[in-house]
C-alpha atoms as a PDB file:
ATOM      1  CA  UNK A   1     -59.474 -10.987 -30.674  1.00  0.00           C
ATOM      2  CA  UNK A   2     -55.937 -11.157 -29.308  1.00  0.00           C
ATOM      3  CA  UNK A   3     -52.585 -10.897 -30.969  1.00  0.00           C
ATOM      4  CA  UNK A   4     -50.284 -13.288 -29.163  1.00  0.00           C
ATOM      5  CA  UNK A   5     -46.552 -12.765 -28.892  1.00  0.00           C
ATOM      6  CA  UNK A   6     -43.866 -14.551 -26.900  1.00  0.00           C
ATOM      7  CA  UNK A   7     -45.392 -13.644 -23.536  1.00  0.00           C
ATOM      8  CA  UNK A   8     -48.611 -15.640 -23.728  1.00  0.00           C
ATOM      9  CA  UNK A   9     -48.411 -17.766 -20.552  1.00  0.00           C
ATOM     10  CA  UNK A  10     -51.178 -15.719 -18.904  1.00  0.00           C
ATOM     11  CA  UNK A  11     -53.461 -16.337 -21.891  1.00  0.00           C
ATOM     12  CA  UNK A  12     -52.902 -20.087 -21.864  1.00  0.00           C
ATOM     13  CA  UNK A  13     -53.666 -20.218 -18.125  1.00  0.00           C
ATOM     14  CA  UNK A  14     -56.817 -18.116 -18.537  1.00  0.00           C
ATOM     15  CA  UNK A  15     -58.129 -20.259 -21.409  1.00  0.00           C
ATOM     16  CA  UNK A  16     -57.551 -23.395 -19.350  1.00  0.00           C
ATOM     17  CA  UNK A  17     -59.270 -21.840 -16.288  1.00  0.00           C
ATOM     18  CA  UNK A  18     -62.327 -20.924 -18.383  1.00  0.00           C
ATOM     19  CA  UNK A  19     -62.362 -24.422 -19.903  1.00  0.00           C
ATOM     20  CA  UNK A  20     -61.813 -23.193 -23.420  1.00  0.00           C
ATOM     21  CA  UNK A  21     -61.952 -26.211 -25.726  1.00  0.00           C
ATOM     22  CA  UNK A  22     -61.394 -24.576 -29.090  1.00  0.00           C
ATOM     23  CA  UNK A  23     -59.055 -21.853 -30.280  1.00  0.00           C
ATOM     24  CA  UNK A  24     -59.135 -20.442 -33.801  1.00  0.00           C
ATOM     25  CA  UNK A  25     -55.824 -19.153 -35.114  1.00  0.00           C
ATOM     26  CA  UNK A  26     -55.723 -16.768 -38.045  1.00  0.00           C
ATOM     27  CA  UNK A  27     -52.619 -16.108 -40.111  1.00  0.00           C
ATOM     28  CA  UNK A  28     -52.640 -13.218 -42.576  1.00  0.00           C
ATOM     29  CA  UNK A  29     -52.204 -14.225 -46.202  1.00  0.00           C
ATOM     30  CA  UNK A  30     -49.882 -11.345 -46.956  1.00  0.00           C
ATOM     31  CA  UNK A  31     -47.934  -8.784 -44.969  1.00  0.00           C
ATOM     32  CA  UNK A  32     -48.790  -5.112 -45.205  1.00  0.00           C
ATOM     33  CA  UNK A  33     -46.091  -2.492 -45.348  1.00  0.00           C
ATOM     34  CA  UNK A  34     -47.908  -0.157 -42.930  1.00  0.00           C
ATOM     35  CA  UNK A  35     -49.029  -2.408 -40.065  1.00  0.00           C
ATOM     36  CA  UNK A  36     -51.159  -1.211 -37.153  1.00  0.00           C
ATOM     37  CA  UNK A  37     -53.361  -3.080 -34.691  1.00  0.00           C
ATOM     38  CA  UNK A  38     -56.389  -1.054 -35.830  1.00  0.00           C
ATOM     39  CA  UNK A  39     -55.871  -2.093 -39.456  1.00  0.00           C
ATOM     40  CA  UNK A  40     -55.196  -5.704 -38.466  1.00  0.00           C
ATOM     41  CA  UNK A  41     -58.421  -5.953 -36.464  1.00  0.00           C
ATOM     42  CA  UNK A  42     -60.437  -4.288 -39.221  1.00  0.00           C
ATOM     43  CA  UNK A  43     -59.138  -6.774 -41.794  1.00  0.00           C
ATOM     44  CA  UNK A  44     -59.654  -9.797 -39.529  1.00  0.00           C
ATOM     45  CA  UNK A  45     -63.207  -8.738 -38.685  1.00  0.00           C
ATOM     46  CA  UNK A  46     -64.061  -8.907 -42.383  1.00  0.00           C
ATOM     47  CA  UNK A  47     -63.003 -12.560 -42.767  1.00  0.00           C
ATOM     48  CA  UNK A  48     -65.697 -15.169 -43.255  1.00  0.00           C
ATOM     49  CA  UNK A  49     -64.831 -18.098 -41.004  1.00  0.00           C
ATOM     50  CA  UNK A  50     -66.425 -21.457 -41.628  1.00  0.00           C
ATOM     51  CA  UNK A  51     -66.725 -22.508 -37.992  1.00  0.00           C
END
């Protein structure tokens, strides 16, 4: 799981080099007042993705 910001050129190159054909983007439904990466990852890991 990666949070991508404006400096994602390295990630795009790496995905292309590893022949990644599918990327799943997740957008939070609501913003939390107290945001941390640990909380974000915990919440995202609980999502049920129909992939």
